[in-house]
Amino acid sequence: MTKQEVLKILVLIESVYTSFMLKNDTVQHWLELSNQMNYGKVLNALLTYMKKSPYPPIMADLVEQKIETIELSTRRIPSIHEKRTKIVQNNIPLRTNTQQIWMAEYSLK
């Protein structure tokens, strides 16, 4: 968005929501992030928001958020057989009826 488009959005918010007062910091933050925003999308989001809420919006209400996808690890969960094999190879005593696995792993024997 251009500087003029940002100011149009902010003036519209200020004119509709009387409790909203423009501050230098607010304008500065919008201007800093304006190159990442699309005026048409922000304006449509504002018009939709104004129909729903009596409270002034924050930037996150109007700007489409890009959600980063997190790649899941390709590591697979070991099977119970693999866990038991590891326990036996490391000479960790197997769990008895009264003993929890974590207790066996950290025992002093």
PDB file of N, CA and C in Angstrom:
ATOM      1  N   MET A   1       0.847  -1.185   0.000  1.00  0.00           N
ATOM      2  CA  MET A   1       0.000   0.000   0.000  1.00  0.00           C
ATOM      3  C   MET A   1       0.886   1.239   0.000  1.00  0.00           C
ATOM      4  N   THR A   2       0.336   2.287  -0.555  1.00  0.00           N
ATOM      5  CA  THR A   2       1.051   3.557  -0.545  1.00  0.00           C
ATOM      6  C   THR A   2       0.754   4.297   0.759  1.00  0.00           C
ATOM      7  N   LYS A   3       1.494   5.365   0.984  1.00  0.00           N
ATOM      8  CA  LYS A   3       1.302   6.169   2.196  1.00  0.00           C
ATOM      9  C   LYS A   3      -0.114   6.762   2.226  1.00  0.00           C
ATOM     10  N   GLN A   4      -0.604   7.218   1.078  1.00  0.00           N
ATOM     11  CA  GLN A   4      -1.947   7.798   1.007  1.00  0.00           C
ATOM     12  C   GLN A   4      -3.018   6.748   1.330  1.00  0.00           C
ATOM     13  N   GLU A   5      -2.832   5.523   0.850  1.00  0.00           N
ATOM     14  CA  GLU A   5      -3.795   4.457   1.125  1.00  0.00           C
ATOM     15  C   GLU A   5      -3.814   4.091   2.608  1.00  0.00           C
ATOM     16  N   VAL A   6      -2.644   4.060   3.221  1.00  0.00           N
ATOM     17  CA  VAL A   6      -2.577   3.797   4.665  1.00  0.00           C
ATOM     18  C   VAL A   6      -3.326   4.878   5.430  1.00  0.00           C
ATOM     19  N   LEU A   7      -3.097   6.115   5.049  1.00  0.00           N
ATOM     20  CA  LEU A   7      -3.774   7.227   5.742  1.00  0.00           C
ATOM     21  C   LEU A   7      -5.280   7.180   5.524  1.00  0.00           C
ATOM     22  N   LYS A   8      -5.733   6.765   4.331  1.00  0.00           N
ATOM     23  CA  LYS A   8      -7.175   6.627   4.086  1.00  0.00           C
ATOM     24  C   LYS A   8      -7.778   5.587   5.033  1.00  0.00           C
ATOM     25  N   ILE A   9      -7.095   4.459   5.183  1.00  0.00           N
ATOM     26  CA  ILE A   9      -7.576   3.405   6.082  1.00  0.00           C
ATOM     27  C   ILE A   9      -7.655   3.924   7.510  1.00  0.00           C
ATOM     28  N   LEU A  10      -6.598   4.568   7.970  1.00  0.00           N
ATOM     29  CA  LEU A  10      -6.560   5.054   9.349  1.00  0.00           C
ATOM     30  C   LEU A  10      -7.592   6.149   9.607  1.00  0.00           C
ATOM     31  N   VAL A  11      -7.798   7.030   8.639  1.00  0.00           N
ATOM     32  CA  VAL A  11      -8.809   8.086   8.783  1.00  0.00           C
ATOM     33  C   VAL A  11     -10.208   7.474   8.811  1.00  0.00           C
ATOM     34  N   LEU A  12     -10.439   6.453   8.001  1.00  0.00           N
ATOM     35  CA  LEU A  12     -11.732   5.771   8.012  1.00  0.00           C
ATOM     36  C   LEU A  12     -11.985   5.126   9.377  1.00  0.00           C
ATOM     37  N   ILE A  13     -10.978   4.470   9.923  1.00  0.00           N
ATOM     38  CA  ILE A  13     -11.122   3.863  11.253  1.00  0.00           C
ATOM     39  C   ILE A  13     -11.423   4.939  12.291  1.00  0.00           C
ATOM     40  N   GLU A  14     -10.706   6.032  12.210  1.00  0.00           N
ATOM     41  CA  GLU A  14     -10.894   7.118  13.180  1.00  0.00           C
ATOM     42  C   GLU A  14     -12.272   7.764  13.053  1.00  0.00           C
ATOM     43  N   SER A  15     -12.789   7.859  11.829  1.00  0.00           N
ATOM     44  CA  SER A  15     -14.096   8.500  11.644  1.00  0.00           C
ATOM     45  C   SER A  15     -15.246   7.593  12.087  1.00  0.00           C
ATOM     46  N   VAL A  16     -15.086   6.287  11.970  1.00  0.00           N
ATOM     47  CA  VAL A  16     -16.141   5.352  12.359  1.00  0.00           C
ATOM     48  C   VAL A  16     -16.101   5.070  13.853  1.00  0.00           C
ATOM     49  N   TYR A  17     -14.925   4.892  14.388  1.00  0.00           N
ATOM     50  CA  TYR A  17     -14.756   4.559  15.809  1.00  0.00           C
ATOM     51  C   TYR A  17     -14.269   5.801  16.543  1.00  0.00           C
ATOM     52  N   THR A  18     -15.164   6.433  17.245  1.00  0.00           N
ATOM     53  CA  THR A  18     -14.832   7.703  17.903  1.00  0.00           C
ATOM     54  C   THR A  18     -13.821   7.539  19.037  1.00  0.00           C
ATOM     55  N   SER A  19     -13.708   6.345  19.578  1.00  0.00           N
ATOM     56  CA  SER A  19     -12.737   6.131  20.650  1.00  0.00           C
ATOM     57  C   SER A  19     -11.317   5.916  20.121  1.00  0.00           C
ATOM     58  N   PHE A  20     -11.188   5.742  18.811  1.00  0.00           N
ATOM     59  CA  PHE A  20      -9.880   5.507  18.191  1.00  0.00           C
ATOM     60  C   PHE A  20      -9.214   6.841  17.912  1.00  0.00           C
ATOM     61  N   MET A  21      -8.032   7.014  18.464  1.00  0.00           N
ATOM     62  CA  MET A  21      -7.286   8.248  18.226  1.00  0.00           C
ATOM     63  C   MET A  21      -5.957   7.896  17.570  1.00  0.00           C
ATOM     64  N   LEU A  22      -5.674   8.547  16.473  1.00  0.00           N
ATOM     65  CA  LEU A  22      -4.402   8.289  15.784  1.00  0.00           C
ATOM     66  C   LEU A  22      -3.248   8.880  16.580  1.00  0.00           C
ATOM     67  N   LYS A  23      -2.240   8.077  16.752  1.00  0.00           N
ATOM     68  CA  LYS A  23      -1.013   8.521  17.405  1.00  0.00           C
ATOM     69  C   LYS A  23       0.117   8.377  16.405  1.00  0.00           C
ATOM     70  N   ASN A  24       1.167   9.111  16.621  1.00  0.00           N
ATOM     71  CA  ASN A  24       2.313   9.040  15.707  1.00  0.00           C
ATOM     72  C   ASN A  24       2.851   7.619  15.598  1.00  0.00           C
ATOM     73  N   ASP A  25       2.915   6.923  16.724  1.00  0.00           N
ATOM     74  CA  ASP A  25       3.432   5.555  16.721  1.00  0.00           C
ATOM     75  C   ASP A  25       2.558   4.643  15.870  1.00  0.00           C
ATOM     76  N   THR A  26       1.245   4.799  15.983  1.00  0.00           N
ATOM     77  CA  THR A  26       0.319   3.963  15.220  1.00  0.00           C
ATOM     78  C   THR A  26       0.526   4.162  13.720  1.00  0.00           C
ATOM     79  N   VAL A  27       0.584   5.409  13.312  1.00  0.00           N
ATOM     80  CA  VAL A  27       0.787   5.720  11.895  1.00  0.00           C
ATOM     81  C   VAL A  27       2.138   5.180  11.437  1.00  0.00           C
ATOM     82  N   GLN A  28       3.151   5.348  12.267  1.00  0.00           N
ATOM     83  CA  GLN A  28       4.495   4.879  11.909  1.00  0.00           C
ATOM     84  C   GLN A  28       4.529   3.364  11.719  1.00  0.00           C
ATOM     85  N   HIS A  29       3.872   2.622  12.613  1.00  0.00           N
ATOM     86  CA  HIS A  29       3.831   1.160  12.487  1.00  0.00           C
ATOM     87  C   HIS A  29       3.115   0.736  11.209  1.00  0.00           C
ATOM     88  N   TRP A  30       2.004   1.370  10.915  1.00  0.00           N
ATOM     89  CA  TRP A  30       1.272   1.038   9.690  1.00  0.00           C
ATOM     90  C   TRP A  30       2.117   1.336   8.458  1.00  0.00           C
ATOM     91  N   LEU A  31       2.802   2.472   8.471  1.00  0.00           N
ATOM     92  CA  LEU A  31       3.626   2.835   7.312  1.00  0.00           C
ATOM     93  C   LEU A  31       4.796   1.872   7.131  1.00  0.00           C
ATOM     94  N   GLU A  32       5.375   1.411   8.234  1.00  0.00           N
ATOM     95  CA  GLU A  32       6.491   0.478   8.148  1.00  0.00           C
ATOM     96  C   GLU A  32       6.070  -0.850   7.513  1.00  0.00           C
ATOM     97  N   LEU A  33       4.848  -1.274   7.805  1.00  0.00           N
ATOM     98  CA  LEU A  33       4.377  -2.565   7.307  1.00  0.00           C
ATOM     99  C   LEU A  33       3.514  -2.463   6.049  1.00  0.00           C
ATOM    100  N   SER A  34       3.305  -1.263   5.562  1.00  0.00           N
ATOM    101  CA  SER A  34       2.378  -1.060   4.450  1.00  0.00           C
ATOM    102  C   SER A  34       2.820  -1.742   3.157  1.00  0.00           C
ATOM    103  N   ASN A  35       4.128  -1.907   2.958  1.00  0.00           N
ATOM    104  CA  ASN A  35       4.579  -2.540   1.712  1.00  0.00           C
ATOM    105  C   ASN A  35       4.203  -4.013   1.656  1.00  0.00           C
ATOM    106  N   GLN A  36       3.849  -4.601   2.804  1.00  0.00           N
ATOM    107  CA  GLN A  36       3.449  -6.004   2.846  1.00  0.00           C
ATOM    108  C   GLN A  36       1.930  -6.167   2.746  1.00  0.00           C
ATOM    109  N   MET A  37       1.203  -5.065   2.673  1.00  0.00           N
ATOM    110  CA  MET A  37      -0.259  -5.111   2.687  1.00  0.00           C
ATOM    111  C   MET A  37      -0.834  -4.774   1.324  1.00  0.00           C
ATOM    112  N   ASN A  38      -2.019  -5.306   1.068  1.00  0.00           N
ATOM    113  CA  ASN A  38      -2.756  -5.017  -0.151  1.00  0.00           C
ATOM    114  C   ASN A  38      -3.931  -4.121   0.232  1.00  0.00           C
ATOM    115  N   TYR A  39      -4.021  -2.944  -0.381  1.00  0.00           N
ATOM    116  CA  TYR A  39      -5.044  -1.961  -0.011  1.00  0.00           C
ATOM    117  C   TYR A  39      -6.462  -2.514  -0.152  1.00  0.00           C
ATOM    118  N   GLY A  40      -6.740  -3.174  -1.244  1.00  0.00           N
ATOM    119  CA  GLY A  40      -8.079  -3.709  -1.475  1.00  0.00           C
ATOM    120  C   GLY A  40      -8.480  -4.732  -0.423  1.00  0.00           C
ATOM    121  N   LYS A  41      -7.543  -5.619  -0.086  1.00  0.00           N
ATOM    122  CA  LYS A  41      -7.841  -6.641   0.929  1.00  0.00           C
ATOM    123  C   LYS A  41      -8.030  -6.021   2.306  1.00  0.00           C
ATOM    124  N   VAL A  42      -7.188  -5.048   2.642  1.00  0.00           N
ATOM    125  CA  VAL A  42      -7.302  -4.395   3.953  1.00  0.00           C
ATOM    126  C   VAL A  42      -8.609  -3.613   4.040  1.00  0.00           C
ATOM    127  N   LEU A  43      -8.971  -2.910   2.965  1.00  0.00           N
ATOM    128  CA  LEU A  43     -10.218  -2.142   2.960  1.00  0.00           C
ATOM    129  C   LEU A  43     -11.426  -3.069   3.084  1.00  0.00           C
ATOM    130  N   ASN A  44     -11.439  -4.171   2.351  1.00  0.00           N
ATOM    131  CA  ASN A  44     -12.543  -5.134   2.458  1.00  0.00           C
ATOM    132  C   ASN A  44     -12.621  -5.735   3.856  1.00  0.00           C
ATOM    133  N   ALA A  45     -11.461  -6.048   4.425  1.00  0.00           N
ATOM    134  CA  ALA A  45     -11.436  -6.600   5.783  1.00  0.00           C
ATOM    135  C   ALA A  45     -11.962  -5.570   6.781  1.00  0.00           C
ATOM    136  N   LEU A  46     -11.627  -4.305   6.581  1.00  0.00           N
ATOM    137  CA  LEU A  46     -12.111  -3.238   7.473  1.00  0.00           C
ATOM    138  C   LEU A  46     -13.619  -3.076   7.358  1.00  0.00           C
ATOM    139  N   LEU A  47     -14.128  -3.073   6.147  1.00  0.00           N
ATOM    140  CA  LEU A  47     -15.574  -2.920   5.959  1.00  0.00           C
ATOM    141  C   LEU A  47     -16.339  -4.091   6.588  1.00  0.00           C
ATOM    142  N   THR A  48     -15.808  -5.284   6.443  1.00  0.00           N
ATOM    143  CA  THR A  48     -16.419  -6.466   7.064  1.00  0.00           C
ATOM    144  C   THR A  48     -16.330  -6.362   8.583  1.00  0.00           C
ATOM    145  N   TYR A  49     -15.187  -5.940   9.079  1.00  0.00           N
ATOM    146  CA  TYR A  49     -14.976  -5.813  10.526  1.00  0.00           C
ATOM    147  C   TYR A  49     -15.928  -4.777  11.129  1.00  0.00           C
ATOM    148  N   MET A  50     -16.122  -3.677  10.418  1.00  0.00           N
ATOM    149  CA  MET A  50     -16.992  -2.605  10.930  1.00  0.00           C
ATOM    150  C   MET A  50     -18.434  -3.082  11.089  1.00  0.00           C
ATOM    151  N   LYS A  51     -18.854  -4.012  10.258  1.00  0.00           N
ATOM    152  CA  LYS A  51     -20.216  -4.549  10.359  1.00  0.00           C
ATOM    153  C   LYS A  51     -20.381  -5.435  11.583  1.00  0.00           C
ATOM    154  N   LYS A  52     -19.274  -6.021  12.060  1.00  0.00           N
ATOM    155  CA  LYS A  52     -19.348  -7.006  13.135  1.00  0.00           C
ATOM    156  C   LYS A  52     -19.009  -6.463  14.516  1.00  0.00           C
ATOM    157  N   SER A  53     -18.119  -5.489  14.588  1.00  0.00           N
ATOM    158  CA  SER A  53     -17.589  -5.111  15.893  1.00  0.00           C
ATOM    159  C   SER A  53     -17.768  -3.626  16.202  1.00  0.00           C
ATOM    160  N   PRO A  54     -18.178  -3.330  17.433  1.00  0.00           N
ATOM    161  CA  PRO A  54     -18.286  -1.931  17.840  1.00  0.00           C
ATOM    162  C   PRO A  54     -16.954  -1.356  18.316  1.00  0.00           C
ATOM    163  N   TYR A  55     -15.923  -2.181  18.325  1.00  0.00           N
ATOM    164  CA  TYR A  55     -14.614  -1.754  18.816  1.00  0.00           C
ATOM    165  C   TYR A  55     -13.658  -1.536  17.657  1.00  0.00           C
ATOM    166  N   PRO A  56     -12.746  -0.581  17.786  1.00  0.00           N
ATOM    167  CA  PRO A  56     -11.796  -0.340  16.695  1.00  0.00           C
ATOM    168  C   PRO A  56     -10.884  -1.551  16.483  1.00  0.00           C
ATOM    169  N   PRO A  57     -10.534  -1.819  15.233  1.00  0.00           N
ATOM    170  CA  PRO A  57      -9.701  -2.987  14.942  1.00  0.00           C
ATOM    171  C   PRO A  57      -8.226  -2.723  15.252  1.00  0.00           C
ATOM    172  N   ILE A  58      -7.521  -3.801  15.449  1.00  0.00           N
ATOM    173  CA  ILE A  58      -6.062  -3.712  15.489  1.00  0.00           C
ATOM    174  C   ILE A  58      -5.556  -4.198  14.137  1.00  0.00           C
ATOM    175  N   MET A  59      -4.306  -3.971  13.880  1.00  0.00           N
ATOM    176  CA  MET A  59      -3.755  -4.310  12.569  1.00  0.00           C
ATOM    177  C   MET A  59      -3.980  -5.786  12.227  1.00  0.00           C
ATOM    178  N   ALA A  60      -3.832  -6.654  13.196  1.00  0.00           N
ATOM    179  CA  ALA A  60      -3.977  -8.095  12.956  1.00  0.00           C
ATOM    180  C   ALA A  60      -5.398  -8.463  12.523  1.00  0.00           C
ATOM    181  N   ASP A  61      -6.387  -7.642  12.885  1.00  0.00           N
ATOM    182  CA  ASP A  61      -7.758  -7.908  12.466  1.00  0.00           C
ATOM    183  C   ASP A  61      -7.958  -7.667  10.974  1.00  0.00           C
ATOM    184  N   LEU A  62      -7.120  -6.842  10.386  1.00  0.00           N
ATOM    185  CA  LEU A  62      -7.326  -6.417   9.005  1.00  0.00           C
ATOM    186  C   LEU A  62      -6.326  -7.008   8.012  1.00  0.00           C
ATOM    187  N   VAL A  63      -5.188  -7.402   8.494  1.00  0.00           N
ATOM    188  CA  VAL A  63      -4.138  -7.875   7.607  1.00  0.00           C
ATOM    189  C   VAL A  63      -4.181  -9.389   7.547  1.00  0.00           C
ATOM    190  N   GLU A  64      -4.147  -9.903   6.328  1.00  0.00           N
ATOM    191  CA  GLU A  64      -4.150 -11.355   6.150  1.00  0.00           C
ATOM    192  C   GLU A  64      -2.829 -11.903   6.676  1.00  0.00           C
ATOM    193  N   GLN A  65      -2.950 -12.827   7.600  1.00  0.00           N
ATOM    194  CA  GLN A  65      -1.762 -13.397   8.225  1.00  0.00           C
ATOM    195  C   GLN A  65      -1.287 -14.589   7.412  1.00  0.00           C
ATOM    196  N   LYS A  66      -0.020 -14.615   7.108  1.00  0.00           N
ATOM    197  CA  LYS A  66       0.555 -15.776   6.439  1.00  0.00           C
ATOM    198  C   LYS A  66       1.020 -16.733   7.515  1.00  0.00           C
ATOM    199  N   ILE A  67       0.474 -17.928   7.486  1.00  0.00           N
ATOM    200  CA  ILE A  67       0.835 -18.933   8.476  1.00  0.00           C
ATOM    201  C   ILE A  67       1.957 -19.775   7.902  1.00  0.00           C
ATOM    202  N   GLU A  68       3.065 -19.774   8.611  1.00  0.00           N
ATOM    203  CA  GLU A  68       4.199 -20.575   8.161  1.00  0.00           C
ATOM    204  C   GLU A  68       3.910 -22.044   8.440  1.00  0.00           C
ATOM    205  N   THR A  69       4.188 -22.846   7.451  1.00  0.00           N
ATOM    206  CA  THR A  69       4.000 -24.274   7.661  1.00  0.00           C
ATOM    207  C   THR A  69       5.258 -24.831   8.297  1.00  0.00           C
ATOM    208  N   ILE A  70       5.066 -25.684   9.223  1.00  0.00           N
ATOM    209  CA  ILE A  70       6.184 -26.300   9.922  1.00  0.00           C
ATOM    210  C   ILE A  70       6.370 -27.688   9.346  1.00  0.00           C
ATOM    211  N   GLU A  71       7.557 -27.931   8.842  1.00  0.00           N
ATOM    212  CA  GLU A  71       7.821 -29.259   8.310  1.00  0.00           C
ATOM    213  C   GLU A  71       7.978 -30.222   9.467  1.00  0.00           C
ATOM    214  N   LEU A  72       7.232 -31.290   9.394  1.00  0.00           N
ATOM    215  CA  LEU A  72       7.350 -32.299  10.421  1.00  0.00           C
ATOM    216  C   LEU A  72       8.621 -33.093  10.194  1.00  0.00           C
ATOM    217  N   SER A  73       9.181 -33.497  11.266  1.00  0.00           N
ATOM    218  CA  SER A  73      10.405 -34.288  11.193  1.00  0.00           C
ATOM    219  C   SER A  73      10.111 -35.601  10.479  1.00  0.00           C
ATOM    220  N   THR A  74      11.080 -36.052   9.726  1.00  0.00           N
ATOM    221  CA  THR A  74      10.902 -37.326   9.041  1.00  0.00           C
ATOM    222  C   THR A  74      11.253 -38.487   9.965  1.00  0.00           C
ATOM    223  N   ARG A  75      11.680 -38.134  11.167  1.00  0.00           N
ATOM    224  CA  ARG A  75      11.954 -39.194  12.134  1.00  0.00           C
ATOM    225  C   ARG A  75      10.674 -39.918  12.465  1.00  0.00           C
ATOM    226  N   ARG A  76      10.760 -41.198  12.532  1.00  0.00           N
ATOM    227  CA  ARG A  76       9.569 -41.956  12.881  1.00  0.00           C
ATOM    228  C   ARG A  76       9.666 -42.391  14.330  1.00  0.00           C
ATOM    229  N   ILE A  77       8.552 -42.746  14.873  1.00  0.00           N
ATOM    230  CA  ILE A  77       8.494 -43.202  16.256  1.00  0.00           C
ATOM    231  C   ILE A  77       8.946 -44.661  16.286  1.00  0.00           C
ATOM    232  N   PRO A  78       9.913 -44.972  17.154  1.00  0.00           N
ATOM    233  CA  PRO A  78      10.386 -46.360  17.183  1.00  0.00           C
ATOM    234  C   PRO A  78       9.310 -47.312  17.691  1.00  0.00           C
ATOM    235  N   SER A  79       9.350 -48.516  17.161  1.00  0.00           N
ATOM    236  CA  SER A  79       8.378 -49.527  17.588  1.00  0.00           C
ATOM    237  C   SER A  79       8.765 -50.051  18.969  1.00  0.00           C
ATOM    238  N   ILE A  80       7.860 -50.762  19.591  1.00  0.00           N
ATOM    239  CA  ILE A  80       8.117 -51.330  20.910  1.00  0.00           C
ATOM    240  C   ILE A  80       9.267 -52.327  20.832  1.00  0.00           C
ATOM    241  N   HIS A  81       9.371 -53.044  19.703  1.00  0.00           N
ATOM    242  CA  HIS A  81      10.469 -54.001  19.524  1.00  0.00           C
ATOM    243  C   HIS A  81      11.818 -53.266  19.516  1.00  0.00           C
ATOM    244  N   GLU A  82      11.875 -52.141  18.805  1.00  0.00           N
ATOM    245  CA  GLU A  82      13.118 -51.359  18.754  1.00  0.00           C
ATOM    246  C   GLU A  82      13.479 -50.805  20.129  1.00  0.00           C
ATOM    247  N   LYS A  83      12.479 -50.374  20.878  1.00  0.00           N
ATOM    248  CA  LYS A  83      12.731 -49.873  22.227  1.00  0.00           C
ATOM    249  C   LYS A  83      13.286 -50.973  23.118  1.00  0.00           C
ATOM    250  N   ARG A  84      12.677 -52.143  23.049  1.00  0.00           N
ATOM    251  CA  ARG A  84      13.141 -53.270  23.886  1.00  0.00           C
ATOM    252  C   ARG A  84      14.555 -53.685  23.496  1.00  0.00           C
ATOM    253  N   THR A  85      14.833 -53.694  22.192  1.00  0.00           N
ATOM    254  CA  THR A  85      16.170 -54.066  21.725  1.00  0.00           C
ATOM    255  C   THR A  85      17.201 -53.083  22.279  1.00  0.00           C
ATOM    256  N   LYS A  86      16.872 -51.804  22.250  1.00  0.00           N
ATOM    257  CA  LYS A  86      17.780 -50.786  22.776  1.00  0.00           C
ATOM    258  C   LYS A  86      17.996 -50.972  24.270  1.00  0.00           C
ATOM    259  N   ILE A  87      16.944 -51.281  24.988  1.00  0.00           N
ATOM    260  CA  ILE A  87      17.045 -51.492  26.431  1.00  0.00           C
ATOM    261  C   ILE A  87      17.951 -52.685  26.716  1.00  0.00           C
ATOM    262  N   VAL A  88      17.773 -53.756  25.977  1.00  0.00           N
ATOM    263  CA  VAL A  88      18.584 -54.960  26.188  1.00  0.00           C
ATOM    264  C   VAL A  88      20.038 -54.684  25.824  1.00  0.00           C
ATOM    265  N   GLN A  89      20.279 -54.003  24.705  1.00  0.00           N
ATOM    266  CA  GLN A  89      21.649 -53.706  24.272  1.00  0.00           C
ATOM    267  C   GLN A  89      22.380 -52.824  25.277  1.00  0.00           C
ATOM    268  N   ASN A  90      21.679 -51.935  25.930  1.00  0.00           N
ATOM    269  CA  ASN A  90      22.295 -51.028  26.898  1.00  0.00           C
ATOM    270  C   ASN A  90      22.286 -51.594  28.312  1.00  0.00           C
ATOM    271  N   ASN A  91      21.931 -52.849  28.436  1.00  0.00           N
ATOM    272  CA  ASN A  91      21.881 -53.531  29.734  1.00  0.00           C
ATOM    273  C   ASN A  91      20.984 -52.822  30.753  1.00  0.00           C
ATOM    274  N   ILE A  92      19.916 -52.259  30.280  1.00  0.00           N
ATOM    275  CA  ILE A  92      18.934 -51.651  31.173  1.00  0.00           C
ATOM    276  C   ILE A  92      17.939 -52.734  31.538  1.00  0.00           C
ATOM    277  N   PRO A  93      17.741 -52.963  32.818  1.00  0.00           N
ATOM    278  CA  PRO A  93      16.816 -54.038  33.192  1.00  0.00           C
ATOM    279  C   PRO A  93      15.401 -53.767  32.691  1.00  0.00           C
ATOM    280  N   LEU A  94      14.763 -54.836  32.232  1.00  0.00           N
ATOM    281  CA  LEU A  94      13.383 -54.703  31.766  1.00  0.00           C
ATOM    282  C   LEU A  94      12.464 -54.429  32.943  1.00  0.00           C
ATOM    283  N   ARG A  95      11.359 -53.819  32.656  1.00  0.00           N
ATOM    284  CA  ARG A  95      10.390 -53.457  33.683  1.00  0.00           C
ATOM    285  C   ARG A  95       9.796 -54.715  34.309  1.00  0.00           C
ATOM    286  N   THR A  96       9.711 -54.658  35.587  1.00  0.00           N
ATOM    287  CA  THR A  96       9.011 -55.732  36.291  1.00  0.00           C
ATOM    288  C   THR A  96       7.592 -55.264  36.538  1.00  0.00           C
ATOM    289  N   ASN A  97       6.789 -56.121  37.085  1.00  0.00           N
ATOM    290  CA  ASN A  97       5.396 -55.765  37.331  1.00  0.00           C
ATOM    291  C   ASN A  97       5.266 -54.548  38.237  1.00  0.00           C
ATOM    292  N   THR A  98       6.146 -54.412  39.188  1.00  0.00           N
ATOM    293  CA  THR A  98       6.024 -53.314  40.147  1.00  0.00           C
ATOM    294  C   THR A  98       6.890 -52.118  39.783  1.00  0.00           C
ATOM    295  N   GLN A  99       7.713 -52.240  38.764  1.00  0.00           N
ATOM    296  CA  GLN A  99       8.659 -51.184  38.451  1.00  0.00           C
ATOM    297  C   GLN A  99       8.278 -50.490  37.139  1.00  0.00           C
ATOM    298  N   GLN A 100       8.264 -49.175  37.163  1.00  0.00           N
ATOM    299  CA  GLN A 100       7.968 -48.393  35.968  1.00  0.00           C
ATOM    300  C   GLN A 100       9.196 -48.374  35.057  1.00  0.00           C
ATOM    301  N   ILE A 101       8.992 -48.137  33.758  1.00  0.00           N
ATOM    302  CA  ILE A 101      10.107 -48.092  32.811  1.00  0.00           C
ATOM    303  C   ILE A 101      11.097 -46.993  33.188  1.00  0.00           C
ATOM    304  N   TRP A 102      10.586 -45.837  33.516  1.00  0.00           N
ATOM    305  CA  TRP A 102      11.499 -44.738  33.823  1.00  0.00           C
ATOM    306  C   TRP A 102      12.329 -45.042  35.057  1.00  0.00           C
ATOM    307  N   MET A 103      11.783 -45.824  35.979  1.00  0.00           N
ATOM    308  CA  MET A 103      12.546 -46.187  37.167  1.00  0.00           C
ATOM    309  C   MET A 103      13.663 -47.158  36.780  1.00  0.00           C
ATOM    310  N   ALA A 104      13.374 -48.070  35.869  1.00  0.00           N
ATOM    311  CA  ALA A 104      14.380 -49.039  35.445  1.00  0.00           C
ATOM    312  C   ALA A 104      15.510 -48.354  34.685  1.00  0.00           C
ATOM    313  N   GLU A 105      15.168 -47.370  33.872  1.00  0.00           N
ATOM    314  CA  GLU A 105      16.183 -46.665  33.079  1.00  0.00           C
ATOM    315  C   GLU A 105      17.160 -45.891  33.951  1.00  0.00           C
ATOM    316  N   TYR A 106      16.672 -45.366  35.065  1.00  0.00           N
ATOM    317  CA  TYR A 106      17.505 -44.513  35.910  1.00  0.00           C
ATOM    318  C   TYR A 106      17.947 -45.181  37.205  1.00  0.00           C
ATOM    319  N   SER A 107      17.771 -46.474  37.285  1.00  0.00           N
ATOM    320  CA  SER A 107      18.189 -47.163  38.505  1.00  0.00           C
ATOM    321  C   SER A 107      19.714 -47.299  38.504  1.00  0.00           C
ATOM    322  N   LEU A 108      20.268 -47.508  39.670  1.00  0.00           N
ATOM    323  CA  LEU A 108      21.725 -47.587  39.812  1.00  0.00           C
ATOM    324  C   LEU A 108      22.276 -48.963  39.497  1.00  0.00           C
ATOM    325  N   LYS A 109      21.462 -49.942  39.254  1.00  0.00           N
ATOM    326  CA  LYS A 109      21.931 -51.302  38.970  1.00  0.00           C
ATOM    327  C   LYS A 109      22.532 -51.406  37.612  1.00  0.00           C
TER     328      LYS A 109
END
